[in-house]
Amino acid sequence: MSRITKLEKEIDELAKLIEQKSNGKKKKLKVPFKVKSNFRKANKDPQQVVVLYLTQKYEAKWKLCKIISGDLVVVANKVHQLNPKVMWRYGKNRLYILREIDRKPVSNSDYNKVIARKDDTEADVPLIKAVLGAVQKQKGLAANKGIIIWIIIAVIAAVALFTFFGGG
């Protein structure tokens, strides 16, 4: 499993955790002021672009980079090639996701290859639904145990009352 897929899974898990903590209310992920400032600068100047830079030490760094020669950008003394087809969007803002070890930006261009090697997440949907259904059924059964115990107590109490007072 590549580092990017690991990072994507961690981001998805964090997003789910944030959604659970907010009790179903959707809260936007707060972007640091420095990143917002970088987005504003990049939107004003077409020769600058915001980059989410993934390092070899598993760090994600936000950078504002100057575009050189129309399609190149230098980050930490390493040259990366930009491609408008693989630009990511965050709201109305545009950014590139670059890995320190790769010249090309992160993209979904290898979609067919992922499908061919059956490493895609779309194939996992039935399995995930089955697992989630099993977990939810177990929770439902646990809630029903309490009701069943109360019914048993009520029946025992009714039988005891009938034998002591009404049985004759």
Protein backbone atom coordinates (compact mmCIF):
# COMPACT_ATOMS: atom_id res chain seq x y z
CA MET A 1 0.00 0.00 0.00
CA SER A 2 1.46 3.34 -0.99
CA ARG A 3 1.99 6.29 1.30
CA ILE A 4 -0.70 8.28 -0.50
CA THR A 5 -3.35 5.65 0.10
CA LYS A 6 -2.31 5.49 3.75
CA LEU A 7 -2.64 9.26 4.04
CA GLU A 8 -6.01 9.19 2.27
CA LYS A 9 -7.27 6.52 4.68
CA GLU A 10 -6.07 8.55 7.66
CA ILE A 11 -7.80 11.64 6.31
CA ASP A 12 -11.03 9.68 5.80
CA GLU A 13 -10.84 8.29 9.34
CA LEU A 14 -10.24 11.76 10.77
CA ALA A 15 -13.16 13.16 8.78
CA LYS A 16 -15.43 10.39 10.13
CA LEU A 17 -14.22 11.07 13.66
CA ILE A 18 -14.90 14.78 13.28
CA GLU A 19 -18.39 14.04 11.97
CA GLN A 20 -19.10 11.70 14.90
CA LYS A 21 -17.85 14.28 17.41
CA SER A 22 -20.12 16.94 15.95
CA ASN A 23 -23.19 14.73 16.55
CA GLY A 24 -24.23 14.65 12.92
CA LYS A 25 -23.81 18.40 12.43
CA LYS A 26 -21.48 19.07 9.55
CA LYS A 27 -18.65 21.31 10.58
CA LYS A 28 -16.09 22.44 8.10
CA LEU A 29 -12.52 21.52 8.77
CA LYS A 30 -10.77 24.63 10.00
CA VAL A 31 -7.96 25.63 7.69
CA PRO A 32 -5.04 27.43 9.34
CA PHE A 33 -4.81 31.18 8.69
CA LYS A 34 -1.47 30.77 6.92
CA VAL A 35 -3.01 28.37 4.39
CA LYS A 36 -5.97 30.71 3.80
CA SER A 37 -3.51 33.53 3.24
CA ASN A 38 -1.61 31.38 0.73
CA PHE A 39 -4.84 30.62 -1.13
CA ARG A 40 -5.66 34.35 -1.33
CA LYS A 41 -2.18 35.15 -2.68
CA ALA A 42 -2.38 32.35 -5.25
CA ASN A 43 -5.82 33.51 -6.41
CA LYS A 44 -4.49 37.05 -6.96
CA ASP A 45 -1.29 36.05 -8.78
CA PRO A 46 -1.54 33.48 -11.61
CA GLN A 47 2.21 32.81 -11.33
CA GLN A 48 1.81 31.29 -7.85
CA VAL A 49 0.19 28.07 -6.74
CA VAL A 50 -0.61 26.44 -3.39
CA VAL A 51 1.02 23.05 -2.91
CA LEU A 52 0.32 20.35 -0.34
CA TYR A 53 3.79 18.83 -0.11
CA LEU A 54 4.08 15.26 1.19
CA THR A 55 7.58 14.58 2.49
CA GLN A 56 9.47 11.31 2.96
CA LYS A 57 9.13 11.75 6.72
CA TYR A 58 5.32 11.49 6.41
CA GLU A 59 4.77 15.19 6.94
CA ALA A 60 2.23 17.24 5.02
CA LYS A 61 3.31 20.83 4.46
CA TRP A 62 1.37 23.66 2.85
CA LYS A 63 3.53 25.82 0.58
CA LEU A 64 3.00 28.80 -1.69
CA CYS A 65 5.23 28.25 -4.73
CA LYS A 66 6.12 30.33 -7.74
CA ILE A 67 5.52 28.73 -11.15
CA ILE A 68 8.65 28.63 -13.30
CA SER A 69 8.60 28.30 -17.10
CA GLY A 70 4.85 27.79 -17.17
CA ASP A 71 4.71 24.27 -15.76
CA LEU A 72 7.50 23.77 -13.21
CA VAL A 73 7.67 24.46 -9.51
CA VAL A 74 10.60 24.11 -7.12
CA VAL A 75 9.94 22.90 -3.57
CA ALA A 76 12.83 22.23 -1.18
CA ASN A 77 15.35 22.32 -4.07
CA LYS A 78 13.42 19.64 -5.98
CA VAL A 79 11.75 20.32 -9.31
CA HIS A 80 8.17 19.16 -9.87
CA GLN A 81 6.13 19.26 -13.04
CA LEU A 82 2.64 20.80 -12.94
CA ASN A 83 -0.29 19.63 -15.03
CA PRO A 84 -3.58 21.57 -15.10
CA LYS A 85 -5.48 18.29 -15.61
CA VAL A 86 -4.52 17.05 -12.14
CA MET A 87 -5.21 20.21 -10.18
CA TRP A 88 -7.24 19.59 -7.02
CA ARG A 89 -9.97 21.89 -5.73
CA TYR A 90 -10.68 22.92 -2.16
CA GLY A 91 -13.85 24.98 -2.41
CA LYS A 92 -13.09 27.71 -4.92
CA ASN A 93 -9.35 27.37 -4.37
CA ARG A 94 -6.96 25.34 -6.52
CA LEU A 95 -3.98 23.36 -5.31
CA TYR A 96 -1.54 20.66 -6.30
CA ILE A 97 -0.60 17.67 -4.18
CA LEU A 98 3.08 16.87 -4.68
CA ARG A 99 5.14 14.06 -3.21
CA GLU A 100 8.76 14.71 -2.42
CA ILE A 101 9.82 11.56 -4.26
CA ASP A 102 7.79 12.13 -7.44
CA ARG A 103 8.12 14.75 -10.20
CA LYS A 104 4.46 14.51 -11.21
CA PRO A 105 1.57 15.63 -9.00
CA VAL A 106 -0.77 13.17 -7.30
CA SER A 107 -3.77 12.41 -9.51
CA ASN A 108 -6.49 9.94 -10.36
CA SER A 109 -5.02 9.29 -13.81
CA ASP A 110 -4.20 5.67 -12.94
CA TYR A 111 -7.87 4.87 -12.21
CA ASN A 112 -8.05 2.06 -14.81
CA LYS A 113 -4.88 0.44 -13.46
CA VAL A 114 -6.27 0.45 -9.92
CA ILE A 115 -9.52 -1.13 -11.13
CA ALA A 116 -7.57 -3.73 -13.14
CA ARG A 117 -5.51 -4.89 -10.14
CA LYS A 118 -8.70 -4.89 -8.00
CA ASP A 119 -7.22 -2.51 -5.46
CA ASP A 120 -10.08 -0.04 -5.67
CA THR A 121 -12.36 0.96 -2.81
CA GLU A 122 -15.52 0.60 -4.91
CA ALA A 123 -15.20 -3.19 -4.73
CA ASP A 124 -15.26 -3.01 -0.93
CA VAL A 125 -18.72 -1.41 -0.67
CA PRO A 126 -20.74 -4.67 -0.26
CA LEU A 127 -18.25 -5.99 2.31
CA ILE A 128 -18.34 -2.75 4.32
CA LYS A 129 -22.15 -2.70 4.26
CA ALA A 130 -22.26 -6.29 5.49
CA VAL A 131 -19.85 -5.56 8.33
CA LEU A 132 -21.70 -2.39 9.34
CA GLY A 133 -25.01 -4.28 9.21
CA ALA A 134 -23.64 -7.00 11.50
CA VAL A 135 -22.36 -4.40 13.97
CA GLN A 136 -25.69 -2.58 13.98
CA LYS A 137 -27.64 -5.84 14.48
CA GLN A 138 -25.50 -6.68 17.49
CA LYS A 139 -26.23 -3.27 18.99
CA GLY A 140 -29.96 -3.80 18.38
CA LEU A 141 -29.86 -7.18 20.08
CA ALA A 142 -28.13 -5.66 23.11
CA ALA A 143 -30.90 -3.05 23.40
CA ASN A 144 -33.54 -5.80 23.10
CA LYS A 145 -31.93 -7.79 25.94
CA GLY A 146 -32.91 -5.05 28.36
CA ILE A 147 -36.51 -5.14 27.18
CA ILE A 148 -36.59 -8.95 27.37
CA ILE A 149 -35.27 -8.88 30.94
CA TRP A 150 -37.99 -6.40 31.97
CA ILE A 151 -40.68 -8.62 30.37
CA ILE A 152 -39.35 -11.69 32.20
CA ILE A 153 -39.34 -9.78 35.51
CA ALA A 154 -42.93 -8.60 34.86
CA VAL A 155 -44.08 -12.17 34.07
CA ILE A 156 -42.40 -13.57 37.20
CA ALA A 157 -43.95 -10.79 39.29
CA ALA A 158 -47.39 -11.47 37.78
CA VAL A 159 -47.09 -15.22 38.46
CA ALA A 160 -45.92 -14.56 42.04
CA LEU A 161 -48.74 -12.11 42.70
CA PHE A 162 -51.30 -14.51 41.21
CA THR A 163 -50.10 -17.43 43.36
CA PHE A 164 -49.97 -15.39 46.56
CA PHE A 165 -53.14 -13.36 46.19
CA GLY A 166 -55.39 -14.81 43.49
CA GLY A 167 -54.68 -18.50 43.42
CA GLY A 168 -56.86 -19.26 46.27
